[in-house]
Amino acid sequence: VGTAGLSIDEMTHERLVVSTRNRRKVQNHIGGIHAAAMALLAETATG
């Protein structure tokens, strides 16, 4: 989570928002956010 630079943008008992910027540490070979980083976003928010 630290390496991916995730940010908690909103947190209530009903809703949680996590985000990341597209930067080199999380990019894949085509310049987008890596598949594992996308899954990490969803896993972090839900968890």
All heavy atoms as atom14 arrays in JSON, in Angstrom:
{
  "sequence": "VGTAGLSIDEMTHERLVVSTRNRRKVQNHIGGIHAAAMALLAETATG",
  "atom14_mask": [
    [1, 1, 1, 1, 1, 1, 1, 0, 0, 0, 0, 0, 0, 0],
    [1, 1, 1, 1, 0, 0, 0, 0, 0, 0, 0, 0, 0, 0],
    [1, 1, 1, 1, 1, 1, 1, 0, 0, 0, 0, 0, 0, 0],
    [1, 1, 1, 1, 1, 0, 0, 0, 0, 0, 0, 0, 0, 0],
    [1, 1, 1, 1, 0, 0, 0, 0, 0, 0, 0, 0, 0, 0],
    [1, 1, 1, 1, 1, 1, 1, 1, 0, 0, 0, 0, 0, 0],
    [1, 1, 1, 1, 1, 1, 0, 0, 0, 0, 0, 0, 0, 0],
    [1, 1, 1, 1, 1, 1, 1, 1, 0, 0, 0, 0, 0, 0],
    [1, 1, 1, 1, 1, 1, 1, 1, 0, 0, 0, 0, 0, 0],
    [1, 1, 1, 1, 1, 1, 1, 1, 1, 0, 0, 0, 0, 0],
    [1, 1, 1, 1, 1, 1, 1, 1, 0, 0, 0, 0, 0, 0],
    [1, 1, 1, 1, 1, 1, 1, 0, 0, 0, 0, 0, 0, 0],
    [1, 1, 1, 1, 1, 1, 1, 1, 1, 1, 0, 0, 0, 0],
    [1, 1, 1, 1, 1, 1, 1, 1, 1, 0, 0, 0, 0, 0],
    [1, 1, 1, 1, 1, 1, 1, 1, 1, 1, 1, 0, 0, 0],
    [1, 1, 1, 1, 1, 1, 1, 1, 0, 0, 0, 0, 0, 0],
    [1, 1, 1, 1, 1, 1, 1, 0, 0, 0, 0, 0, 0, 0],
    [1, 1, 1, 1, 1, 1, 1, 0, 0, 0, 0, 0, 0, 0],
    [1, 1, 1, 1, 1, 1, 0, 0, 0, 0, 0, 0, 0, 0],
    [1, 1, 1, 1, 1, 1, 1, 0, 0, 0, 0, 0, 0, 0],
    [1, 1, 1, 1, 1, 1, 1, 1, 1, 1, 1, 0, 0, 0],
    [1, 1, 1, 1, 1, 1, 1, 1, 0, 0, 0, 0, 0, 0],
    [1, 1, 1, 1, 1, 1, 1, 1, 1, 1, 1, 0, 0, 0],
    [1, 1, 1, 1, 1, 1, 1, 1, 1, 1, 1, 0, 0, 0],
    [1, 1, 1, 1, 1, 1, 1, 1, 1, 0, 0, 0, 0, 0],
    [1, 1, 1, 1, 1, 1, 1, 0, 0, 0, 0, 0, 0, 0],
    [1, 1, 1, 1, 1, 1, 1, 1, 1, 0, 0, 0, 0, 0],
    [1, 1, 1, 1, 1, 1, 1, 1, 0, 0, 0, 0, 0, 0],
    [1, 1, 1, 1, 1, 1, 1, 1, 1, 1, 0, 0, 0, 0],
    [1, 1, 1, 1, 1, 1, 1, 1, 0, 0, 0, 0, 0, 0],
    [1, 1, 1, 1, 0, 0, 0, 0, 0, 0, 0, 0, 0, 0],
    [1, 1, 1, 1, 0, 0, 0, 0, 0, 0, 0, 0, 0, 0],
    [1, 1, 1, 1, 1, 1, 1, 1, 0, 0, 0, 0, 0, 0],
    [1, 1, 1, 1, 1, 1, 1, 1, 1, 1, 0, 0, 0, 0],
    [1, 1, 1, 1, 1, 0, 0, 0, 0, 0, 0, 0, 0, 0],
    [1, 1, 1, 1, 1, 0, 0, 0, 0, 0, 0, 0, 0, 0],
    [1, 1, 1, 1, 1, 0, 0, 0, 0, 0, 0, 0, 0, 0],
    [1, 1, 1, 1, 1, 1, 1, 1, 0, 0, 0, 0, 0, 0],
    [1, 1, 1, 1, 1, 0, 0, 0, 0, 0, 0, 0, 0, 0],
    [1, 1, 1, 1, 1, 1, 1, 1, 0, 0, 0, 0, 0, 0],
    [1, 1, 1, 1, 1, 1, 1, 1, 0, 0, 0, 0, 0, 0],
    [1, 1, 1, 1, 1, 0, 0, 0, 0, 0, 0, 0, 0, 0],
    [1, 1, 1, 1, 1, 1, 1, 1, 1, 0, 0, 0, 0, 0],
    [1, 1, 1, 1, 1, 1, 1, 0, 0, 0, 0, 0, 0, 0],
    [1, 1, 1, 1, 1, 0, 0, 0, 0, 0, 0, 0, 0, 0],
    [1, 1, 1, 1, 1, 1, 1, 0, 0, 0, 0, 0, 0, 0],
    [1, 1, 1, 1, 0, 0, 0, 0, 0, 0, 0, 0, 0, 0]
  ],
  "atom14_positions": [
    [[0.84, -1.19, 0.0], [0.0, 0.0, 0.0], [0.87, 1.25, 0.0], [0.6, 2.19, -0.72], [-0.97, -0.02, 1.21], [-1.72, 1.29, 1.33], [-1.94, -1.17, 1.11], [0.0, 0.0, 0.0], [0.0, 0.0, 0.0], [0.0, 0.0, 0.0], [0.0, 0.0, 0.0], [0.0, 0.0, 0.0], [0.0, 0.0, 0.0], [0.0, 0.0, 0.0]],
    [[1.95, 1.22, 0.78], [2.85, 2.37, 0.81], [3.55, 2.59, -0.51], [3.65, 3.71, -1.01], [0.0, 0.0, 0.0], [0.0, 0.0, 0.0], [0.0, 0.0, 0.0], [0.0, 0.0, 0.0], [0.0, 0.0, 0.0], [0.0, 0.0, 0.0], [0.0, 0.0, 0.0], [0.0, 0.0, 0.0], [0.0, 0.0, 0.0], [0.0, 0.0, 0.0]],
    [[4.05, 1.53, -1.11], [4.74, 1.63, -2.4], [3.8, 2.14, -3.48], [4.19, 2.94, -4.33], [5.33, 0.27, -2.81], [6.26, -0.14, -1.81], [6.04, 0.35, -4.14], [0.0, 0.0, 0.0], [0.0, 0.0, 0.0], [0.0, 0.0, 0.0], [0.0, 0.0, 0.0], [0.0, 0.0, 0.0], [0.0, 0.0, 0.0], [0.0, 0.0, 0.0]],
    [[2.56, 1.68, -3.45], [1.58, 2.1, -4.46], [1.09, 3.53, -4.24], [0.48, 4.11, -5.12], [0.39, 1.13, -4.46], [0.0, 0.0, 0.0], [0.0, 0.0, 0.0], [0.0, 0.0, 0.0], [0.0, 0.0, 0.0], [0.0, 0.0, 0.0], [0.0, 0.0, 0.0], [0.0, 0.0, 0.0], [0.0, 0.0, 0.0], [0.0, 0.0, 0.0]],
    [[1.38, 4.09, -3.07], [0.98, 5.47, -2.81], [-0.52, 5.66, -2.72], [-1.06, 6.65, -3.19], [0.0, 0.0, 0.0], [0.0, 0.0, 0.0], [0.0, 0.0, 0.0], [0.0, 0.0, 0.0], [0.0, 0.0, 0.0], [0.0, 0.0, 0.0], [0.0, 0.0, 0.0], [0.0, 0.0, 0.0], [0.0, 0.0, 0.0], [0.0, 0.0, 0.0]],
    [[-1.21, 4.69, -2.1], [-2.66, 4.81, -1.98], [-3.03, 5.88, -0.97], [-2.37, 6.05, 0.05], [-3.26, 3.47, -1.54], [-2.99, 2.26, -2.43], [-3.81, 1.07, -1.95], [-3.26, 2.55, -3.88], [0.0, 0.0, 0.0], [0.0, 0.0, 0.0], [0.0, 0.0, 0.0], [0.0, 0.0, 0.0], [0.0, 0.0, 0.0], [0.0, 0.0, 0.0]],
    [[-4.11, 6.59, -1.27], [-4.63, 7.63, -0.39], [-6.06, 7.28, 0.01], [-6.84, 6.84, -0.83], [-4.68, 8.99, -1.1], [-3.39, 9.39, -1.48], [0.0, 0.0, 0.0], [0.0, 0.0, 0.0], [0.0, 0.0, 0.0], [0.0, 0.0, 0.0], [0.0, 0.0, 0.0], [0.0, 0.0, 0.0], [0.0, 0.0, 0.0], [0.0, 0.0, 0.0]],
    [[-6.37, 7.49, 1.27], [-7.76, 7.33, 1.73], [-8.41, 8.7, 1.6], [-8.01, 9.65, 2.26], [-7.82, 6.83, 3.18], [-7.15, 5.46, 3.27], [-9.27, 6.77, 3.67], [-6.95, 4.96, 4.69], [0.0, 0.0, 0.0], [0.0, 0.0, 0.0], [0.0, 0.0, 0.0], [0.0, 0.0, 0.0], [0.0, 0.0, 0.0], [0.0, 0.0, 0.0]],
    [[-9.39, 8.78, 0.72], [-10.02, 10.07, 0.41], [-11.31, 10.29, 1.19], [-11.72, 11.45, 1.39], [-10.31, 10.16, -1.09], [-9.04, 10.02, -1.91], [-7.97, 10.47, -1.46], [-9.11, 9.45, -3.02], [0.0, 0.0, 0.0], [0.0, 0.0, 0.0], [0.0, 0.0, 0.0], [0.0, 0.0, 0.0], [0.0, 0.0, 0.0], [0.0, 0.0, 0.0]],
    [[-11.96, 9.22, 1.58], [-13.23, 9.32, 2.33], [-13.37, 8.05, 3.15], [-13.07, 6.96, 2.67], [-14.4, 9.45, 1.36], [-15.75, 9.57, 2.03], [-16.89, 9.61, 1.01], [-16.68, 10.02, -0.15], [-18.0, 9.21, 1.4], [0.0, 0.0, 0.0], [0.0, 0.0, 0.0], [0.0, 0.0, 0.0], [0.0, 0.0, 0.0], [0.0, 0.0, 0.0]],
    [[-13.85, 8.2, 4.4], [-14.0, 7.03, 5.25], [-15.16, 7.22, 6.21], [-15.11, 8.09, 7.08], [-12.71, 6.77, 6.03], [-12.75, 5.52, 6.85], [-11.17, 4.96, 7.58], [-10.2, 6.41, 7.81], [0.0, 0.0, 0.0], [0.0, 0.0, 0.0], [0.0, 0.0, 0.0], [0.0, 0.0, 0.0], [0.0, 0.0, 0.0], [0.0, 0.0, 0.0]],
    [[-16.21, 6.43, 5.99], [-17.33, 6.35, 6.93], [-17.59, 4.86, 7.13], [-16.98, 4.03, 6.49], [-18.6, 7.04, 6.38], [-19.12, 6.27, 5.29], [-18.34, 8.48, 5.95], [0.0, 0.0, 0.0], [0.0, 0.0, 0.0], [0.0, 0.0, 0.0], [0.0, 0.0, 0.0], [0.0, 0.0, 0.0], [0.0, 0.0, 0.0], [0.0, 0.0, 0.0]],
    [[-18.52, 4.53, 8.0], [-18.85, 3.12, 8.22], [-19.6, 2.52, 7.02], [-19.66, 1.31, 6.89], [-19.67, 2.95, 9.5], [-18.84, 3.13, 10.72], [-18.04, 2.15, 11.23], [-18.66, 4.2, 11.52], [-17.41, 2.59, 12.29], [-17.76, 3.84, 12.49], [0.0, 0.0, 0.0], [0.0, 0.0, 0.0], [0.0, 0.0, 0.0], [0.0, 0.0, 0.0]],
    [[-20.16, 3.36, 6.15], [-20.91, 2.89, 5.0], [-20.15, 2.97, 3.68], [-20.48, 2.28, 2.72], [-22.21, 3.71, 4.83], [-23.15, 3.64, 5.99], [-22.81, 4.62, 7.11], [-22.08, 5.62, 6.87], [-23.24, 4.39, 8.25], [0.0, 0.0, 0.0], [0.0, 0.0, 0.0], [0.0, 0.0, 0.0], [0.0, 0.0, 0.0], [0.0, 0.0, 0.0]],
    [[-19.12, 3.82, 3.62], [-18.46, 4.1, 2.34], [-16.99, 4.45, 2.57], [-16.68, 5.23, 3.48], [-19.18, 5.25, 1.67], [-18.61, 5.73, 0.37], [-19.46, 6.91, -0.12], [-18.7, 7.79, -0.98], [-18.79, 7.78, -2.3], [-19.59, 6.94, -2.9], [-18.07, 8.63, -3.02], [0.0, 0.0, 0.0], [0.0, 0.0, 0.0], [0.0, 0.0, 0.0]],
    [[-16.12, 3.87, 1.72], [-14.7, 4.17, 1.83], [-14.13, 4.35, 0.43], [-14.42, 3.55, -0.46], [-13.96, 3.04, 2.55], [-12.61, 3.45, 3.12], [-12.45, 2.93, 4.53], [-11.5, 2.97, 2.24], [0.0, 0.0, 0.0], [0.0, 0.0, 0.0], [0.0, 0.0, 0.0], [0.0, 0.0, 0.0], [0.0, 0.0, 0.0], [0.0, 0.0, 0.0]],
    [[-13.36, 5.42, 0.23], [-12.79, 5.73, -1.07], [-11.26, 5.75, -0.96], [-10.71, 6.44, -0.09], [-13.28, 7.1, -1.6], [-12.68, 7.4, -2.97], [-14.8, 7.13, -1.65], [0.0, 0.0, 0.0], [0.0, 0.0, 0.0], [0.0, 0.0, 0.0], [0.0, 0.0, 0.0], [0.0, 0.0, 0.0], [0.0, 0.0, 0.0], [0.0, 0.0, 0.0]],
    [[-10.6, 4.98, -1.83], [-9.14, 4.92, -1.89], [-8.72, 5.26, -3.32], [-9.38, 4.84, -4.27], [-8.63, 3.5, -1.51], [-7.13, 3.42, -1.64], [-9.07, 3.13, -0.11], [0.0, 0.0, 0.0], [0.0, 0.0, 0.0], [0.0, 0.0, 0.0], [0.0, 0.0, 0.0], [0.0, 0.0, 0.0], [0.0, 0.0, 0.0], [0.0, 0.0, 0.0]],
    [[-7.62, 6.02, -3.46], [-7.18, 6.39, -4.8], [-5.67, 6.3, -4.92], [-4.95, 6.21, -3.93], [-7.64, 7.81, -5.14], [-7.01, 8.75, -4.28], [0.0, 0.0, 0.0], [0.0, 0.0, 0.0], [0.0, 0.0, 0.0], [0.0, 0.0, 0.0], [0.0, 0.0, 0.0], [0.0, 0.0, 0.0], [0.0, 0.0, 0.0], [0.0, 0.0, 0.0]],
    [[-5.22, 6.31, -6.17], [-3.79, 6.38, -6.47], [-3.61, 7.15, -7.77], [-4.48, 7.14, -8.64], [-3.14, 4.98, -6.57], [-1.71, 5.14, -6.61], [-3.6, 4.21, -7.78], [0.0, 0.0, 0.0], [0.0, 0.0, 0.0], [0.0, 0.0, 0.0], [0.0, 0.0, 0.0], [0.0, 0.0, 0.0], [0.0, 0.0, 0.0], [0.0, 0.0, 0.0]],
    [[-2.49, 7.82, -7.86], [-2.13, 8.53, -9.09], [-1.38, 7.56, -10.0], [-0.76, 6.61, -9.54], [-1.25, 9.74, -8.78], [-1.96, 10.8, -7.94], [-1.03, 11.96, -7.59], [0.11, 11.48, -6.8], [1.38, 11.78, -7.03], [1.72, 12.57, -8.03], [2.34, 11.3, -6.27], [0.0, 0.0, 0.0], [0.0, 0.0, 0.0], [0.0, 0.0, 0.0]],
    [[-1.43, 7.84, -11.29], [-0.67, 7.04, -12.25], [0.76, 7.59, -12.26], [1.05, 8.58, -12.91], [-1.3, 7.12, -13.64], [-0.58, 6.24, -14.64], [0.36, 5.54, -14.32], [-1.05, 6.28, -15.87], [0.0, 0.0, 0.0], [0.0, 0.0, 0.0], [0.0, 0.0, 0.0], [0.0, 0.0, 0.0], [0.0, 0.0, 0.0], [0.0, 0.0, 0.0]],
    [[1.62, 6.92, -11.52], [3.02, 7.33, -11.48], [3.89, 6.11, -11.69], [3.43, 4.98, -11.63], [3.35, 8.06, -10.19], [2.97, 7.33, -8.94], [3.0, 8.29, -7.74], [2.65, 7.57, -6.55], [3.46, 6.78, -5.86], [4.7, 6.62, -6.24], [3.05, 6.15, -4.8], [0.0, 0.0, 0.0], [0.0, 0.0, 0.0], [0.0, 0.0, 0.0]],
    [[5.15, 6.33, -11.95], [6.06, 5.27, -12.37], [6.02, 4.04, -11.48], [6.04, 2.91, -11.97], [7.48, 5.81, -12.44], [8.47, 4.76, -12.91], [9.7, 5.4, -13.38], [9.34, 6.05, -14.63], [10.16, 6.24, -15.62], [11.39, 5.87, -15.52], [9.76, 6.83, -16.72], [0.0, 0.0, 0.0], [0.0, 0.0, 0.0], [0.0, 0.0, 0.0]],
    [[5.95, 4.2, -10.16], [5.98, 3.06, -9.25], [4.83, 2.08, -9.45], [4.94, 0.92, -9.07], [5.98, 3.53, -7.79], [7.29, 4.06, -7.31], [7.22, 4.36, -5.83], [8.57, 4.74, -5.3], [8.56, 4.89, -3.85], [0.0, 0.0, 0.0], [0.0, 0.0, 0.0], [0.0, 0.0, 0.0], [0.0, 0.0, 0.0], [0.0, 0.0, 0.0]],
    [[3.72, 2.54, -9.99], [2.55, 1.65, -10.16], [2.23, 1.36, -11.62], [1.22, 0.72, -11.9], [1.29, 2.21, -9.45], [1.49, 2.26, -7.95], [0.89, 3.57, -10.0], [0.0, 0.0, 0.0], [0.0, 0.0, 0.0], [0.0, 0.0, 0.0], [0.0, 0.0, 0.0], [0.0, 0.0, 0.0], [0.0, 0.0, 0.0], [0.0, 0.0, 0.0]],
    [[3.09, 1.79, -12.53], [2.78, 1.62, -13.95], [3.17, 0.24, -14.48], [4.11, -0.38, -14.01], [3.51, 2.68, -14.77], [2.87, 4.03, -14.68], [3.59, 5.06, -15.53], [4.7, 4.85, -16.0], [2.94, 6.2, -15.73], [0.0, 0.0, 0.0], [0.0, 0.0, 0.0], [0.0, 0.0, 0.0], [0.0, 0.0, 0.0], [0.0, 0.0, 0.0]],
    [[2.41, -0.16, -15.49], [2.74, -1.38, -16.24], [3.58, -1.0, -17.45], [3.96, 0.17, -17.62], [1.46, -2.12, -16.64], [0.52, -1.27, -17.47], [0.91, -0.3, -18.1], [-0.75, -1.64, -17.48], [0.0, 0.0, 0.0], [0.0, 0.0, 0.0], [0.0, 0.0, 0.0], [0.0, 0.0, 0.0], [0.0, 0.0, 0.0], [0.0, 0.0, 0.0]],
    [[3.83, -1.95, -18.32], [4.69, -1.73, -19.49], [4.07, -0.83, -20.56], [4.77, -0.38, -21.47], [5.08, -3.08, -20.11], [3.92, -3.85, -20.65], [2.98, -4.46, -19.82], [3.52, -4.09, -21.91], [2.07, -5.04, -20.58], [2.37, -4.84, -21.85], [0.0, 0.0, 0.0], [0.0, 0.0, 0.0], [0.0, 0.0, 0.0], [0.0, 0.0, 0.0]],
    [[2.77, -0.53, -20.46], [2.15, 0.37, -21.44], [1.77, 1.72, -20.82], [1.02, 2.49, -21.41], [0.93, -0.3, -22.12], [-0.12, -0.74, -21.09], [1.36, -1.46, -23.0], [-1.41, -1.27, -21.69], [0.0, 0.0, 0.0], [0.0, 0.0, 0.0], [0.0, 0.0, 0.0], [0.0, 0.0, 0.0], [0.0, 0.0, 0.0], [0.0, 0.0, 0.0]],
    [[2.29, 1.99, -19.62], [2.1, 3.3, -19.01], [0.83, 3.49, -18.2], [0.58, 4.58, -17.7], [0.0, 0.0, 0.0], [0.0, 0.0, 0.0], [0.0, 0.0, 0.0], [0.0, 0.0, 0.0], [0.0, 0.0, 0.0], [0.0, 0.0, 0.0], [0.0, 0.0, 0.0], [0.0, 0.0, 0.0], [0.0, 0.0, 0.0], [0.0, 0.0, 0.0]],
    [[0.03, 2.44, -18.07], [-1.17, 2.52, -17.24], [-0.88, 1.98, -15.85], [0.22, 1.52, -15.56], [0.0, 0.0, 0.0], [0.0, 0.0, 0.0], [0.0, 0.0, 0.0], [0.0, 0.0, 0.0], [0.0, 0.0, 0.0], [0.0, 0.0, 0.0], [0.0, 0.0, 0.0], [0.0, 0.0, 0.0], [0.0, 0.0, 0.0], [0.0, 0.0, 0.0]],
    [[-1.87, 2.03, -15.0], [-1.72, 1.47, -13.66], [-1.7, -0.05, -13.78], [-2.53, -0.64, -14.46], [-2.81, 1.98, -12.71], [-2.6, 3.49, -12.49], [-2.79, 1.22, -11.39], [-3.58, 4.14, -11.57], [0.0, 0.0, 0.0], [0.0, 0.0, 0.0], [0.0, 0.0, 0.0], [0.0, 0.0, 0.0], [0.0, 0.0, 0.0], [0.0, 0.0, 0.0]],
    [[-0.73, -0.66, -13.13], [-0.52, -2.11, -13.19], [-1.74, -2.86, -12.67], [-2.44, -2.4, -11.76], [0.72, -2.47, -12.37], [1.21, -3.85, -12.6], [0.64, -4.94, -12.0], [2.21, -4.31, -13.37], [1.28, -6.02, -12.4], [2.24, -5.66, -13.23], [0.0, 0.0, 0.0], [0.0, 0.0, 0.0], [0.0, 0.0, 0.0], [0.0, 0.0, 0.0]],
    [[-1.98, -4.03, -13.23], [-3.12, -4.87, -12.84], [-3.13, -5.15, -11.33], [-4.18, -5.09, -10.69], [-3.1, -6.18, -13.62], [0.0, 0.0, 0.0], [0.0, 0.0, 0.0], [0.0, 0.0, 0.0], [0.0, 0.0, 0.0], [0.0, 0.0, 0.0], [0.0, 0.0, 0.0], [0.0, 0.0, 0.0], [0.0, 0.0, 0.0], [0.0, 0.0, 0.0]],
    [[-1.97, -5.45, -10.77], [-1.9, -5.74, -9.33], [-2.24, -4.51, -8.5], [-2.87, -4.62, -7.45], [-0.52, -6.28, -8.97], [0.0, 0.0, 0.0], [0.0, 0.0, 0.0], [0.0, 0.0, 0.0], [0.0, 0.0, 0.0], [0.0, 0.0, 0.0], [0.0, 0.0, 0.0], [0.0, 0.0, 0.0], [0.0, 0.0, 0.0], [0.0, 0.0, 0.0]],
    [[-1.85, -3.33, -8.96], [-2.17, -2.1, -8.25], [-3.67, -1.81, -8.3], [-4.26, -1.31, -7.33], [-1.38, -0.93, -8.81], [0.0, 0.0, 0.0], [0.0, 0.0, 0.0], [0.0, 0.0, 0.0], [0.0, 0.0, 0.0], [0.0, 0.0, 0.0], [0.0, 0.0, 0.0], [0.0, 0.0, 0.0], [0.0, 0.0, 0.0], [0.0, 0.0, 0.0]],
    [[-4.31, -2.13, -9.43], [-5.77, -1.95, -9.53], [-6.48, -2.87, -8.54], [-7.41, -2.46, -7.85], [-6.25, -2.25, -10.94], [-5.88, -1.2, -11.95], [-6.72, -1.53, -13.52], [-5.38, -2.21, -14.47], [0.0, 0.0, 0.0], [0.0, 0.0, 0.0], [0.0, 0.0, 0.0], [0.0, 0.0, 0.0], [0.0, 0.0, 0.0], [0.0, 0.0, 0.0]],
    [[-6.04, -4.13, -8.48], [-6.63, -5.08, -7.53], [-6.38, -4.63, -6.1], [-7.25, -4.75, -5.23], [-6.08, -6.47, -7.76], [0.0, 0.0, 0.0], [0.0, 0.0, 0.0], [0.0, 0.0, 0.0], [0.0, 0.0, 0.0], [0.0, 0.0, 0.0], [0.0, 0.0, 0.0], [0.0, 0.0, 0.0], [0.0, 0.0, 0.0], [0.0, 0.0, 0.0]],
    [[-5.2, -4.08, -5.85], [-4.86, -3.58, -4.51], [-5.8, -2.46, -4.1], [-6.21, -2.39, -2.93], [-3.41, -3.09, -4.49], [-2.92, -2.51, -3.17], [-2.89, -3.58, -2.08], [-1.55, -1.87, -3.35], [0.0, 0.0, 0.0], [0.0, 0.0, 0.0], [0.0, 0.0, 0.0], [0.0, 0.0, 0.0], [0.0, 0.0, 0.0], [0.0, 0.0, 0.0]],
    [[-6.16, -1.58, -5.01], [-7.12, -0.51, -4.71], [-8.44, -1.09, -4.19], [-8.95, -0.66, -3.16], [-7.41, 0.32, -5.97], [-6.57, 1.53, -6.26], [-6.91, 2.06, -7.64], [-6.75, 2.59, -5.22], [0.0, 0.0, 0.0], [0.0, 0.0, 0.0], [0.0, 0.0, 0.0], [0.0, 0.0, 0.0], [0.0, 0.0, 0.0], [0.0, 0.0, 0.0]],
    [[-8.97, -2.06, -4.93], [-10.25, -2.65, -4.55], [-10.14, -3.42, -3.24], [-11.02, -3.31, -2.37], [-10.75, -3.59, -5.66], [0.0, 0.0, 0.0], [0.0, 0.0, 0.0], [0.0, 0.0, 0.0], [0.0, 0.0, 0.0], [0.0, 0.0, 0.0], [0.0, 0.0, 0.0], [0.0, 0.0, 0.0], [0.0, 0.0, 0.0], [0.0, 0.0, 0.0]],
    [[-9.06, -4.18, -3.07], [-8.87, -4.96, -1.85], [-8.7, -4.05, -0.64], [-9.26, -4.29, 0.43], [-7.65, -5.88, -2.01], [-7.45, -6.87, -0.89], [-6.52, -6.35, 0.19], [-5.83, -5.35, -0.03], [-6.5, -6.96, 1.27], [0.0, 0.0, 0.0], [0.0, 0.0, 0.0], [0.0, 0.0, 0.0], [0.0, 0.0, 0.0], [0.0, 0.0, 0.0]],
    [[-7.97, -2.96, -0.8], [-7.75, -2.03, 0.3], [-9.04, -1.33, 0.7], [-9.37, -1.23, 1.89], [-6.66, -1.0, -0.08], [-5.45, -1.7, -0.37], [-6.42, -0.01, 1.04], [0.0, 0.0, 0.0], [0.0, 0.0, 0.0], [0.0, 0.0, 0.0], [0.0, 0.0, 0.0], [0.0, 0.0, 0.0], [0.0, 0.0, 0.0], [0.0, 0.0, 0.0]],
    [[-9.78, -0.84, -0.27], [-11.03, -0.13, 0.03], [-12.03, -1.05, 0.74], [-12.62, -0.67, 1.75], [-11.65, 0.44, -1.25], [0.0, 0.0, 0.0], [0.0, 0.0, 0.0], [0.0, 0.0, 0.0], [0.0, 0.0, 0.0], [0.0, 0.0, 0.0], [0.0, 0.0, 0.0], [0.0, 0.0, 0.0], [0.0, 0.0, 0.0], [0.0, 0.0, 0.0]],
    [[-12.2, -2.26, 0.22], [-13.18, -3.17, 0.82], [-12.7, -3.67, 2.18], [-13.48, -3.78, 3.12], [-13.47, -4.36, -0.11], [-12.26, -5.05, -0.43], [-14.16, -3.9, -1.39], [0.0, 0.0, 0.0], [0.0, 0.0, 0.0], [0.0, 0.0, 0.0], [0.0, 0.0, 0.0], [0.0, 0.0, 0.0], [0.0, 0.0, 0.0], [0.0, 0.0, 0.0]],
    [[-11.42, -3.98, 2.3], [-10.88, -4.48, 3.56], [-10.93, -3.46, 4.67], [-11.29, -3.79, 5.81], [0.0, 0.0, 0.0], [0.0, 0.0, 0.0], [0.0, 0.0, 0.0], [0.0, 0.0, 0.0], [0.0, 0.0, 0.0], [0.0, 0.0, 0.0], [0.0, 0.0, 0.0], [0.0, 0.0, 0.0], [0.0, 0.0, 0.0], [0.0, 0.0, 0.0]]
  ]
}
